[in-house]
C-alpha atoms as a PDB file:
ATOM      1  CA  UNK A   1     -12.432  13.594 -17.569  1.00  0.00           C
ATOM      2  CA  UNK A   2      -9.142  11.750 -18.059  1.00  0.00           C
ATOM      3  CA  UNK A   3      -9.156   8.021 -17.295  1.00  0.00           C
ATOM      4  CA  UNK A   4      -6.602   6.467 -14.944  1.00  0.00           C
ATOM      5  CA  UNK A   5      -6.198   2.684 -14.856  1.00  0.00           C
ATOM      6  CA  UNK A   6      -6.034   1.586 -11.215  1.00  0.00           C
ATOM      7  CA  UNK A   7      -4.814  -1.974 -10.754  1.00  0.00           C
ATOM      8  CA  UNK A   8      -5.951  -3.425  -7.458  1.00  0.00           C
ATOM      9  CA  UNK A   9      -8.639  -0.734  -7.280  1.00  0.00           C
ATOM     10  CA  UNK A  10     -10.962  -3.113  -5.410  1.00  0.00           C
ATOM     11  CA  UNK A  11      -8.462  -3.492  -2.566  1.00  0.00           C
ATOM     12  CA  UNK A  12      -7.838  -1.459   0.551  1.00  0.00           C
ATOM     13  CA  UNK A  13      -5.449   1.214  -0.719  1.00  0.00           C
ATOM     14  CA  UNK A  14      -6.654   1.064  -4.328  1.00  0.00           C
ATOM     15  CA  UNK A  15     -10.287   1.785  -3.441  1.00  0.00           C
ATOM     16  CA  UNK A  16      -9.266   4.838  -1.415  1.00  0.00           C
ATOM     17  CA  UNK A  17      -7.103   5.958  -4.356  1.00  0.00           C
ATOM     18  CA  UNK A  18     -10.104   5.674  -6.676  1.00  0.00           C
ATOM     19  CA  UNK A  19     -12.095   8.000  -4.437  1.00  0.00           C
ATOM     20  CA  UNK A  20      -9.214  10.495  -4.295  1.00  0.00           C
ATOM     21  CA  UNK A  21      -8.814  10.380  -8.085  1.00  0.00           C
ATOM     22  CA  UNK A  22     -12.514  11.066  -8.575  1.00  0.00           C
ATOM     23  CA  UNK A  23     -12.354  14.055  -6.238  1.00  0.00           C
ATOM     24  CA  UNK A  24      -9.341  15.333  -8.212  1.00  0.00           C
ATOM     25  CA  UNK A  25     -11.247  15.265 -11.510  1.00  0.00           C
ATOM     26  CA  UNK A  26     -10.036  11.935 -12.939  1.00  0.00           C
ATOM     27  CA  UNK A  27     -12.090   8.850 -13.780  1.00  0.00           C
ATOM     28  CA  UNK A  28     -10.597   5.800 -12.038  1.00  0.00           C
ATOM     29  CA  UNK A  29     -10.953   2.556 -13.994  1.00  0.00           C
ATOM     30  CA  UNK A  30     -10.515  -0.362 -11.597  1.00  0.00           C
ATOM     31  CA  UNK A  31      -8.734  -3.453 -12.929  1.00  0.00           C
ATOM     32  CA  UNK A  32      -8.875  -6.264 -10.373  1.00  0.00           C
ATOM     33  CA  UNK A  33      -9.183 -10.057 -10.326  1.00  0.00           C
ATOM     34  CA  UNK A  34     -11.068  -9.949  -6.975  1.00  0.00           C
ATOM     35  CA  UNK A  35      -8.807 -12.610  -5.446  1.00  0.00           C
ATOM     36  CA  UNK A  36      -8.177 -10.303  -2.484  1.00  0.00           C
ATOM     37  CA  UNK A  37     -10.245  -7.298  -3.578  1.00  0.00           C
ATOM     38  CA  UNK A  38     -13.972  -6.671  -3.201  1.00  0.00           C
ATOM     39  CA  UNK A  39     -16.512  -5.763  -5.865  1.00  0.00           C
ATOM     40  CA  UNK A  40     -18.391  -3.730  -3.227  1.00  0.00           C
ATOM     41  CA  UNK A  41     -15.364  -1.440  -2.896  1.00  0.00           C
ATOM     42  CA  UNK A  42     -15.607  -0.264  -6.524  1.00  0.00           C
ATOM     43  CA  UNK A  43     -17.777   2.841  -6.194  1.00  0.00           C
ATOM     44  CA  UNK A  44     -16.066   5.680  -8.006  1.00  0.00           C
ATOM     45  CA  UNK A  45     -15.683   4.590 -11.633  1.00  0.00           C
ATOM     46  CA  UNK A  46     -15.895   1.662 -14.080  1.00  0.00           C
ATOM     47  CA  UNK A  47     -14.879  -1.858 -13.094  1.00  0.00           C
ATOM     48  CA  UNK A  48     -13.019  -4.262 -15.359  1.00  0.00           C
ATOM     49  CA  UNK A  49     -12.370  -7.733 -14.000  1.00  0.00           C
ATOM     50  CA  UNK A  50      -9.075  -9.190 -15.135  1.00  0.00           C
ATOM     51  CA  UNK A  51      -5.732 -10.595 -14.106  1.00  0.00           C
ATOM     52  CA  UNK A  52      -2.319  -9.028 -14.696  1.00  0.00           C
ATOM     53  CA  UNK A  53      -1.125 -12.354 -16.096  1.00  0.00           C
ATOM     54  CA  UNK A  54      -3.648 -12.017 -18.943  1.00  0.00           C
ATOM     55  CA  UNK A  55      -1.943  -9.724 -21.449  1.00  0.00           C
ATOM     56  CA  UNK A  56      -4.793  -9.805 -23.968  1.00  0.00           C
ATOM     57  CA  UNK A  57      -7.256  -8.643 -21.293  1.00  0.00           C
ATOM     58  CA  UNK A  58      -4.945  -5.778 -20.383  1.00  0.00           C
ATOM     59  CA  UNK A  59      -4.696  -4.772 -24.046  1.00  0.00           C
ATOM     60  CA  UNK A  60      -8.512  -4.731 -24.297  1.00  0.00           C
ATOM     61  CA  UNK A  61      -8.853  -2.418 -21.313  1.00  0.00           C
ATOM     62  CA  UNK A  62      -6.137  -0.037 -22.503  1.00  0.00           C
ATOM     63  CA  UNK A  63      -7.779   0.122 -25.934  1.00  0.00           C
ATOM     64  CA  UNK A  64     -11.242   0.803 -24.507  1.00  0.00           C
ATOM     65  CA  UNK A  65     -10.388   3.464 -21.935  1.00  0.00           C
ATOM     66  CA  UNK A  66      -7.181   5.013 -23.315  1.00  0.00           C
ATOM     67  CA  UNK A  67      -5.935   6.004 -19.844  1.00  0.00           C
ATOM     68  CA  UNK A  68      -3.568   8.916 -19.364  1.00  0.00           C
ATOM     69  CA  UNK A  69      -1.805   7.014 -16.584  1.00  0.00           C
ATOM     70  CA  UNK A  70      -1.561   3.773 -14.638  1.00  0.00           C
ATOM     71  CA  UNK A  71      -1.726   3.651 -10.846  1.00  0.00           C
ATOM     72  CA  UNK A  72      -0.433   0.208  -9.889  1.00  0.00           C
ATOM     73  CA  UNK A  73      -1.443  -1.253  -6.506  1.00  0.00           C
ATOM     74  CA  UNK A  74      -2.193  -4.879  -7.397  1.00  0.00           C
ATOM     75  CA  UNK A  75       0.214  -7.219  -5.587  1.00  0.00           C
ATOM     76  CA  UNK A  76       0.546 -10.004  -3.091  1.00  0.00           C
ATOM     77  CA  UNK A  77       1.831  -8.349   0.080  1.00  0.00           C
ATOM     78  CA  UNK A  78       2.128 -10.751   3.029  1.00  0.00           C
ATOM     79  CA  UNK A  79       5.701 -10.863   4.305  1.00  0.00           C
ATOM     80  CA  UNK A  80       5.368 -14.230   6.027  1.00  0.00           C
ATOM     81  CA  UNK A  81       3.783 -15.855   2.997  1.00  0.00           C
ATOM     82  CA  UNK A  82       6.502 -14.426   0.784  1.00  0.00           C
ATOM     83  CA  UNK A  83       9.093 -16.235   2.895  1.00  0.00           C
ATOM     84  CA  UNK A  84       7.407 -19.623   2.584  1.00  0.00           C
ATOM     85  CA  UNK A  85       6.076 -19.230  -0.983  1.00  0.00           C
ATOM     86  CA  UNK A  86       8.502 -16.920  -2.807  1.00  0.00           C
ATOM     87  CA  UNK A  87       7.559 -18.284  -6.211  1.00  0.00           C
ATOM     88  CA  UNK A  88       4.058 -16.838  -6.216  1.00  0.00           C
ATOM     89  CA  UNK A  89       5.478 -13.417  -5.321  1.00  0.00           C
ATOM     90  CA  UNK A  90       7.920 -13.452  -8.208  1.00  0.00           C
ATOM     91  CA  UNK A  91       5.233 -14.689 -10.567  1.00  0.00           C
ATOM     92  CA  UNK A  92       2.336 -12.505  -9.477  1.00  0.00           C
ATOM     93  CA  UNK A  93       4.142  -9.307  -8.527  1.00  0.00           C
ATOM     94  CA  UNK A  94       7.036  -9.278 -10.995  1.00  0.00           C
ATOM     95  CA  UNK A  95       5.701 -11.094 -14.063  1.00  0.00           C
ATOM     96  CA  UNK A  96       2.261  -9.532 -13.639  1.00  0.00           C
ATOM     97  CA  UNK A  97       3.840  -6.088 -13.458  1.00  0.00           C
ATOM     98  CA  UNK A  98       5.935  -6.827 -16.548  1.00  0.00           C
ATOM     99  CA  UNK A  99       2.757  -7.631 -18.472  1.00  0.00           C
ATOM    100  CA  UNK A 100       1.182  -4.392 -17.254  1.00  0.00           C
ATOM    101  CA  UNK A 101       4.202  -2.260 -18.096  1.00  0.00           C
ATOM    102  CA  UNK A 102       4.523  -3.755 -21.579  1.00  0.00           C
ATOM    103  CA  UNK A 103       0.791  -3.239 -22.208  1.00  0.00           C
ATOM    104  CA  UNK A 104       1.051   0.383 -21.070  1.00  0.00           C
ATOM    105  CA  UNK A 105       3.995   1.048 -23.369  1.00  0.00           C
ATOM    106  CA  UNK A 106       2.209  -0.619 -26.287  1.00  0.00           C
ATOM    107  CA  UNK A 107      -0.812   1.628 -25.665  1.00  0.00           C
ATOM    108  CA  UNK A 108       1.399   4.755 -25.466  1.00  0.00           C
ATOM    109  CA  UNK A 109       0.389   5.283 -21.848  1.00  0.00           C
ATOM    110  CA  UNK A 110       3.681   6.552 -20.444  1.00  0.00           C
ATOM    111  CA  UNK A 111       2.721   7.886 -16.989  1.00  0.00           C
ATOM    112  CA  UNK A 112       3.050   5.238 -14.274  1.00  0.00           C
ATOM    113  CA  UNK A 113       2.532   5.624 -10.521  1.00  0.00           C
ATOM    114  CA  UNK A 114       3.811   2.617  -8.593  1.00  0.00           C
ATOM    115  CA  UNK A 115       2.944   1.491  -5.085  1.00  0.00           C
ATOM    116  CA  UNK A 116       6.230   0.205  -3.679  1.00  0.00           C
ATOM    117  CA  UNK A 117       7.276  -0.369  -0.080  1.00  0.00           C
ATOM    118  CA  UNK A 118       9.873   0.410   2.551  1.00  0.00           C
ATOM    119  CA  UNK A 119      10.378  -3.363   2.698  1.00  0.00           C
ATOM    120  CA  UNK A 120      12.766  -2.845  -0.227  1.00  0.00           C
ATOM    121  CA  UNK A 121      15.212  -1.329   2.275  1.00  0.00           C
ATOM    122  CA  UNK A 122      15.459  -4.362   4.513  1.00  0.00           C
ATOM    123  CA  UNK A 123      16.524  -4.081   8.149  1.00  0.00           C
ATOM    124  CA  UNK A 124      18.155  -0.700   8.917  1.00  0.00           C
ATOM    125  CA  UNK A 125      18.090  -0.242  12.669  1.00  0.00           C
ATOM    126  CA  UNK A 126      17.957   3.154  14.386  1.00  0.00           C
ATOM    127  CA  UNK A 127      17.876   5.227  11.199  1.00  0.00           C
ATOM    128  CA  UNK A 128      15.198   7.215   9.420  1.00  0.00           C
ATOM    129  CA  UNK A 129      15.153   5.898   5.871  1.00  0.00           C
ATOM    130  CA  UNK A 130      15.427   8.275   2.950  1.00  0.00           C
ATOM    131  CA  UNK A 131      15.167   7.608  -0.751  1.00  0.00           C
ATOM    132  CA  UNK A 132      18.919   7.046  -1.046  1.00  0.00           C
ATOM    133  CA  UNK A 133      19.107   4.399   1.695  1.00  0.00           C
ATOM    134  CA  UNK A 134      20.496   1.067   0.509  1.00  0.00           C
ATOM    135  CA  UNK A 135      17.844  -1.346  -0.755  1.00  0.00           C
ATOM    136  CA  UNK A 136      18.613  -4.707   0.865  1.00  0.00           C
ATOM    137  CA  UNK A 137      15.280  -6.544   1.165  1.00  0.00           C
ATOM    138  CA  UNK A 138      15.167  -9.546   3.496  1.00  0.00           C
ATOM    139  CA  UNK A 139      11.984 -11.143   2.131  1.00  0.00           C
ATOM    140  CA  UNK A 140      10.535 -12.010  -1.271  1.00  0.00           C
ATOM    141  CA  UNK A 141       7.839  -9.350  -0.985  1.00  0.00           C
ATOM    142  CA  UNK A 142      10.378  -6.548  -0.690  1.00  0.00           C
ATOM    143  CA  UNK A 143      12.608  -8.153  -3.310  1.00  0.00           C
ATOM    144  CA  UNK A 144       9.740  -8.381  -5.793  1.00  0.00           C
ATOM    145  CA  UNK A 145       8.909  -4.704  -5.338  1.00  0.00           C
ATOM    146  CA  UNK A 146      12.541  -3.691  -5.785  1.00  0.00           C
ATOM    147  CA  UNK A 147      12.643  -5.714  -9.013  1.00  0.00           C
ATOM    148  CA  UNK A 148       9.626  -3.807 -10.344  1.00  0.00           C
ATOM    149  CA  UNK A 149      11.321  -0.513  -9.516  1.00  0.00           C
ATOM    150  CA  UNK A 150      14.334  -1.653 -11.570  1.00  0.00           C
ATOM    151  CA  UNK A 151      12.003  -2.690 -14.360  1.00  0.00           C
ATOM    152  CA  UNK A 152      10.433   0.778 -14.481  1.00  0.00           C
ATOM    153  CA  UNK A 153      13.857   2.394 -14.837  1.00  0.00           C
ATOM    154  CA  UNK A 154      14.759   0.069 -17.694  1.00  0.00           C
ATOM    155  CA  UNK A 155      11.494   0.816 -19.493  1.00  0.00           C
ATOM    156  CA  UNK A 156      12.024   4.537 -19.051  1.00  0.00           C
ATOM    157  CA  UNK A 157      15.462   4.269 -20.665  1.00  0.00           C
ATOM    158  CA  UNK A 158      14.140   2.154 -23.546  1.00  0.00           C
ATOM    159  CA  UNK A 159      10.608   3.512 -24.043  1.00  0.00           C
ATOM    160  CA  UNK A 160      10.235   6.794 -22.146  1.00  0.00           C
ATOM    161  CA  UNK A 161       7.975   5.338 -19.432  1.00  0.00           C
ATOM    162  CA  UNK A 162       7.882   8.114 -16.834  1.00  0.00           C
ATOM    163  CA  UNK A 163       7.174   6.938 -13.322  1.00  0.00           C
ATOM    164  CA  UNK A 164       6.698   8.009  -9.735  1.00  0.00           C
ATOM    165  CA  UNK A 165       7.543   5.379  -7.132  1.00  0.00           C
ATOM    166  CA  UNK A 166       6.161   5.604  -3.602  1.00  0.00           C
ATOM    167  CA  UNK A 167       7.802   3.591  -0.826  1.00  0.00           C
ATOM    168  CA  UNK A 168       5.828   3.203   2.384  1.00  0.00           C
ATOM    169  CA  UNK A 169       5.237   0.592   5.007  1.00  0.00           C
ATOM    170  CA  UNK A 170       2.278   0.380   7.385  1.00  0.00           C
ATOM    171  CA  UNK A 171      -0.895   1.922   6.035  1.00  0.00           C
ATOM    172  CA  UNK A 172      -3.760   2.347   8.468  1.00  0.00           C
ATOM    173  CA  UNK A 173      -7.101   4.053   8.989  1.00  0.00           C
ATOM    174  CA  UNK A 174     -10.119   4.295   6.709  1.00  0.00           C
ATOM    175  CA  UNK A 175     -12.143   6.760   4.690  1.00  0.00           C
ATOM    176  CA  UNK A 176     -13.681   9.157   7.255  1.00  0.00           C
ATOM    177  CA  UNK A 177     -16.921   9.170   5.236  1.00  0.00           C
ATOM    178  CA  UNK A 178     -17.210   5.398   5.673  1.00  0.00           C
ATOM    179  CA  UNK A 179     -17.536   4.656   1.944  1.00  0.00           C
ATOM    180  CA  UNK A 180     -14.530   2.317   1.840  1.00  0.00           C
ATOM    181  CA  UNK A 181     -12.215   0.824   4.425  1.00  0.00           C
ATOM    182  CA  UNK A 182      -9.829  -1.973   5.313  1.00  0.00           C
ATOM    183  CA  UNK A 183     -11.258  -5.476   4.998  1.00  0.00           C
ATOM    184  CA  UNK A 184      -9.040  -8.469   4.262  1.00  0.00           C
ATOM    185  CA  UNK A 185      -9.929 -12.143   4.299  1.00  0.00           C
ATOM    186  CA  UNK A 186      -7.851 -13.482   5.948  1.00  0.00           C
ATOM    187  CA  UNK A 187      -6.783 -10.422   7.904  1.00  0.00           C
ATOM    188  CA  UNK A 188      -3.035  -9.917   8.439  1.00  0.00           C
ATOM    189  CA  UNK A 189      -2.630  -6.261   9.437  1.00  0.00           C
ATOM    190  CA  UNK A 190      -2.012  -5.238  13.029  1.00  0.00           C
ATOM    191  CA  UNK A 191      -4.725  -2.652  13.649  1.00  0.00           C
ATOM    192  CA  UNK A 192      -7.716  -4.567  12.225  1.00  0.00           C
ATOM    193  CA  UNK A 193      -6.475  -7.748  13.933  1.00  0.00           C
ATOM    194  CA  UNK A 194      -6.343  -5.832  17.176  1.00  0.00           C
ATOM    195  CA  UNK A 195      -9.830  -4.407  16.670  1.00  0.00           C
ATOM    196  CA  UNK A 196     -11.108  -7.925  15.950  1.00  0.00           C
ATOM    197  CA  UNK A 197      -9.647  -9.028  19.297  1.00  0.00           C
ATOM    198  CA  UNK A 198     -11.219  -6.069  21.093  1.00  0.00           C
ATOM    199  CA  UNK A 199     -14.559  -6.877  19.456  1.00  0.00           C
ATOM    200  CA  UNK A 200     -14.420 -10.578  20.341  1.00  0.00           C
ATOM    201  CA  UNK A 201     -14.094 -11.714  16.729  1.00  0.00           C
ATOM    202  CA  UNK A 202     -10.867 -13.505  17.622  1.00  0.00           C
ATOM    203  CA  UNK A 203      -9.613 -14.817  20.942  1.00  0.00           C
ATOM    204  CA  UNK A 204      -6.559 -12.575  21.180  1.00  0.00           C
ATOM    205  CA  UNK A 205      -4.030 -10.499  19.285  1.00  0.00           C
ATOM    206  CA  UNK A 206      -0.767 -12.376  18.842  1.00  0.00           C
ATOM    207  CA  UNK A 207       2.363 -10.254  19.189  1.00  0.00           C
ATOM    208  CA  UNK A 208       5.009 -11.921  17.031  1.00  0.00           C
ATOM    209  CA  UNK A 209       8.320 -11.359  18.791  1.00  0.00           C
ATOM    210  CA  UNK A 210       8.876  -9.669  22.142  1.00  0.00           C
ATOM    211  CA  UNK A 211      12.678  -9.845  22.166  1.00  0.00           C
ATOM    212  CA  UNK A 212      13.564  -7.261  19.513  1.00  0.00           C
ATOM    213  CA  UNK A 213      16.191  -4.653  20.328  1.00  0.00           C
ATOM    214  CA  UNK A 214      13.606  -1.942  21.012  1.00  0.00           C
ATOM    215  CA  UNK A 215      12.528  -0.241  24.243  1.00  0.00           C
ATOM    216  CA  UNK A 216       9.636  -2.662  24.848  1.00  0.00           C
ATOM    217  CA  UNK A 217      10.899  -5.656  22.840  1.00  0.00           C
ATOM    218  CA  UNK A 218       8.362  -5.390  20.024  1.00  0.00           C
ATOM    219  CA  UNK A 219       9.150  -4.270  16.487  1.00  0.00           C
ATOM    220  CA  UNK A 220       8.633  -0.671  15.398  1.00  0.00           C
ATOM    221  CA  UNK A 221       6.866   0.629  12.312  1.00  0.00           C
ATOM    222  CA  UNK A 222       5.972   3.980  10.767  1.00  0.00           C
ATOM    223  CA  UNK A 223       2.208   4.305  10.185  1.00  0.00           C
ATOM    224  CA  UNK A 224       0.583   6.554   7.585  1.00  0.00           C
ATOM    225  CA  UNK A 225      -3.136   7.184   7.120  1.00  0.00           C
ATOM    226  CA  UNK A 226      -4.537   5.655   3.950  1.00  0.00           C
ATOM    227  CA  UNK A 227      -6.168   8.957   2.942  1.00  0.00           C
ATOM    228  CA  UNK A 228      -2.878  10.830   3.278  1.00  0.00           C
ATOM    229  CA  UNK A 229      -1.173   8.077   1.323  1.00  0.00           C
ATOM    230  CA  UNK A 230      -3.530   8.165  -1.660  1.00  0.00           C
ATOM    231  CA  UNK A 231      -3.487  11.963  -1.717  1.00  0.00           C
ATOM    232  CA  UNK A 232       0.267  11.663  -2.292  1.00  0.00           C
ATOM    233  CA  UNK A 233      -0.428   9.312  -5.207  1.00  0.00           C
ATOM    234  CA  UNK A 234      -2.717  11.903  -6.804  1.00  0.00           C
ATOM    235  CA  UNK A 235       0.017  14.505  -6.367  1.00  0.00           C
ATOM    236  CA  UNK A 236       2.447  12.054  -7.974  1.00  0.00           C
ATOM    237  CA  UNK A 237       0.119  11.633 -10.929  1.00  0.00           C
ATOM    238  CA  UNK A 238      -0.119  15.391 -11.383  1.00  0.00           C
ATOM    239  CA  UNK A 239       3.680  15.553 -11.156  1.00  0.00           C
ATOM    240  CA  UNK A 240       3.896  13.219 -14.169  1.00  0.00           C
ATOM    241  CA  UNK A 241       1.122  14.956 -16.118  1.00  0.00           C
ATOM    242  CA  UNK A 242       3.038  18.208 -15.633  1.00  0.00           C
ATOM    243  CA  UNK A 243       6.061  16.474 -17.220  1.00  0.00           C
ATOM    244  CA  UNK A 244       8.333  16.818 -14.186  1.00  0.00           C
ATOM    245  CA  UNK A 245      10.143  13.524 -14.767  1.00  0.00           C
ATOM    246  CA  UNK A 246      10.528  10.265 -12.867  1.00  0.00           C
ATOM    247  CA  UNK A 247      11.012  10.380  -9.092  1.00  0.00           C
ATOM    248  CA  UNK A 248      11.060   8.214  -5.963  1.00  0.00           C
ATOM    249  CA  UNK A 249       9.315   9.366  -2.794  1.00  0.00           C
ATOM    250  CA  UNK A 250       9.119   7.874   0.681  1.00  0.00           C
ATOM    251  CA  UNK A 251       5.828   8.281   2.514  1.00  0.00           C
ATOM    252  CA  UNK A 252       5.736   8.214   6.289  1.00  0.00           C
ATOM    253  CA  UNK A 253       5.697  10.445   9.323  1.00  0.00           C
ATOM    254  CA  UNK A 254       9.259   9.867  10.495  1.00  0.00           C
ATOM    255  CA  UNK A 255       7.876   8.572  13.797  1.00  0.00           C
ATOM    256  CA  UNK A 256       7.823   4.885  14.636  1.00  0.00           C
ATOM    257  CA  UNK A 257       5.514   3.087  17.054  1.00  0.00           C
ATOM    258  CA  UNK A 258       6.054  -0.323  18.588  1.00  0.00           C
ATOM    259  CA  UNK A 259       3.363  -2.986  18.556  1.00  0.00           C
ATOM    260  CA  UNK A 260       2.762  -2.447  22.260  1.00  0.00           C
ATOM    261  CA  UNK A 261       2.385   1.311  21.735  1.00  0.00           C
ATOM    262  CA  UNK A 262      -0.247   0.676  19.051  1.00  0.00           C
ATOM    263  CA  UNK A 263      -2.074  -1.624  21.473  1.00  0.00           C
ATOM    264  CA  UNK A 264      -2.014   1.065  24.169  1.00  0.00           C
ATOM    265  CA  UNK A 265      -3.425   3.701  21.802  1.00  0.00           C
ATOM    266  CA  UNK A 266      -6.153   1.310  20.661  1.00  0.00           C
ATOM    267  CA  UNK A 267      -7.230   0.687  24.219  1.00  0.00           C
ATOM    268  CA  UNK A 268      -7.410   4.448  24.732  1.00  0.00           C
ATOM    269  CA  UNK A 269      -9.499   5.035  21.580  1.00  0.00           C
ATOM    270  CA  UNK A 270     -11.928   2.162  22.119  1.00  0.00           C
ATOM    271  CA  UNK A 271     -11.937   2.201  25.916  1.00  0.00           C
ATOM    272  CA  UNK A 272     -11.592  -1.582  25.784  1.00  0.00           C
ATOM    273  CA  UNK A 273      -8.862  -4.033  26.714  1.00  0.00           C
ATOM    274  CA  UNK A 274      -6.909  -5.852  24.009  1.00  0.00           C
ATOM    275  CA  UNK A 275      -6.468  -9.567  24.814  1.00  0.00           C
ATOM    276  CA  UNK A 276      -2.846 -10.447  24.048  1.00  0.00           C
ATOM    277  CA  UNK A 277      -0.871 -13.608  23.285  1.00  0.00           C
ATOM    278  CA  UNK A 278       2.885 -13.572  22.804  1.00  0.00           C
ATOM    279  CA  UNK A 279       4.364 -15.559  19.935  1.00  0.00           C
ATOM    280  CA  UNK A 280       7.718 -16.164  18.290  1.00  0.00           C
ATOM    281  CA  UNK A 281       9.195 -13.823  15.715  1.00  0.00           C
ATOM    282  CA  UNK A 282       8.034 -14.253  12.138  1.00  0.00           C
ATOM    283  CA  UNK A 283      10.611 -14.871   9.439  1.00  0.00           C
ATOM    284  CA  UNK A 284      11.235 -11.774   7.335  1.00  0.00           C
ATOM    285  CA  UNK A 285      10.141  -9.201   9.930  1.00  0.00           C
ATOM    286  CA  UNK A 286      12.509  -6.261  10.470  1.00  0.00           C
ATOM    287  CA  UNK A 287      13.224  -4.729  13.863  1.00  0.00           C
ATOM    288  CA  UNK A 288      12.477  -1.138  12.891  1.00  0.00           C
ATOM    289  CA  UNK A 289      11.328   0.652   9.746  1.00  0.00           C
ATOM    290  CA  UNK A 290      10.776   4.403   9.871  1.00  0.00           C
ATOM    291  CA  UNK A 291      10.378   6.349   6.643  1.00  0.00           C
ATOM    292  CA  UNK A 292      11.317   9.980   6.270  1.00  0.00           C
ATOM    293  CA  UNK A 293       9.214  11.997   3.807  1.00  0.00           C
ATOM    294  CA  UNK A 294      10.953  15.353   3.494  1.00  0.00           C
ATOM    295  CA  UNK A 295      11.259  14.953  -0.290  1.00  0.00           C
ATOM    296  CA  UNK A 296       7.524  14.339  -0.732  1.00  0.00           C
ATOM    297  CA  UNK A 297       6.752  17.315   1.465  1.00  0.00           C
ATOM    298  CA  UNK A 298       9.164  19.727  -0.226  1.00  0.00           C
ATOM    299  CA  UNK A 299       8.735  18.639  -3.854  1.00  0.00           C
ATOM    300  CA  UNK A 300       5.140  17.367  -4.019  1.00  0.00           C
ATOM    301  CA  UNK A 301       3.772  19.672  -1.344  1.00  0.00           C
ATOM    302  CA  UNK A 302       2.425  16.627   0.502  1.00  0.00           C
ATOM    303  CA  UNK A 303       1.286  16.939   4.099  1.00  0.00           C
ATOM    304  CA  UNK A 304       0.119  13.901   6.138  1.00  0.00           C
ATOM    305  CA  UNK A 305      -2.887  15.543   7.776  1.00  0.00           C
ATOM    306  CA  UNK A 306      -4.555  12.496   9.357  1.00  0.00           C
ATOM    307  CA  UNK A 307      -1.503  10.374  10.189  1.00  0.00           C
ATOM    308  CA  UNK A 308      -1.573  10.539  13.966  1.00  0.00           C
ATOM    309  CA  UNK A 309      -1.938   7.149  15.609  1.00  0.00           C
ATOM    310  CA  UNK A 310      -5.021   8.423  17.454  1.00  0.00           C
ATOM    311  CA  UNK A 311      -6.741   9.499  14.213  1.00  0.00           C
ATOM    312  CA  UNK A 312      -5.816   6.365  12.273  1.00  0.00           C
ATOM    313  CA  UNK A 313      -7.187   4.084  14.974  1.00  0.00           C
ATOM    314  CA  UNK A 314     -10.296   6.240  15.411  1.00  0.00           C
ATOM    315  CA  UNK A 315     -11.109   6.043  11.680  1.00  0.00           C
ATOM    316  CA  UNK A 316     -10.304   2.332  11.571  1.00  0.00           C
ATOM    317  CA  UNK A 317     -12.525   1.665  14.599  1.00  0.00           C
ATOM    318  CA  UNK A 318     -15.451   3.566  13.039  1.00  0.00           C
ATOM    319  CA  UNK A 319     -15.142   1.504   9.844  1.00  0.00           C
ATOM    320  CA  UNK A 320     -14.647  -1.708  11.819  1.00  0.00           C
ATOM    321  CA  UNK A 321     -17.962  -1.188  13.589  1.00  0.00           C
ATOM    322  CA  UNK A 322     -20.028  -0.327  10.515  1.00  0.00           C
ATOM    323  CA  UNK A 323     -18.271  -1.330   7.295  1.00  0.00           C
ATOM    324  CA  UNK A 324     -17.673  -4.603   5.513  1.00  0.00           C
ATOM    325  CA  UNK A 325     -17.717  -6.098   2.026  1.00  0.00           C
ATOM    326  CA  UNK A 326     -19.178  -9.271   0.625  1.00  0.00           C
ATOM    327  CA  UNK A 327     -18.343 -11.259  -2.478  1.00  0.00           C
END
């Protein structure tokens, strides 16, 4: 089997990607420093502990496994934190990615799948974003991801580094087989926070901002199931292996849901009430982000099969009740 180096493979999306890669006939090699990832989540291939800031460690792993491609998920990703501590986002996300890209080029590994974000677009109200929408990030997280996209284009021009970039926003759900799932410490994502509140693990779910220019006053996001998302990444990898050139794809359903709508669906799925507190807006949060995916569907043949809000919450709730990791 061909090896694929998966940075952040011990994290939420990366661990699901490793499973999808294994099912597609690749051997995922997880590279993770376990700062936010979990050793228990590495189940589908070899594990190499290391940090993207350690170039010599990256060179060792490339030399040992000779991967045919890199799938790059490792990043800091909290919008609020990126507003108060921008330096760590530029250092970890941008400089760490530069180390990785240079190591890949040095090892003649010229297929690169990058996990980007719709946060690179910034705040575009009442539009469905496509790949040509202006990139005007309003926080350091989105800015750092846009910088890495620019870096990939420069390295393609100079060194032939072919890449597929995926931009998406809110990822939800869990592996329906229960092998891996979403588990952050501390937790920052809406659906697991809400399930914690339902389950009594926290006093209430705080809704940050109820005065947005939306029908119910809460911000709107496009949610995509983690299994659909990683299946697109496998298709992107095959796109590169088939020598089809570099490409950018949005991943979403084209349908946005407000925070209050997500709460209502969760109450329906779990048959429990969500205790709510209302808080002020968080710096760096956009009013509405909805990502169109017609290019991914037409060119990659991608179909988001599990990305209904009902299914995402159902899978997340099943994992929430039975799954967890420990360090």
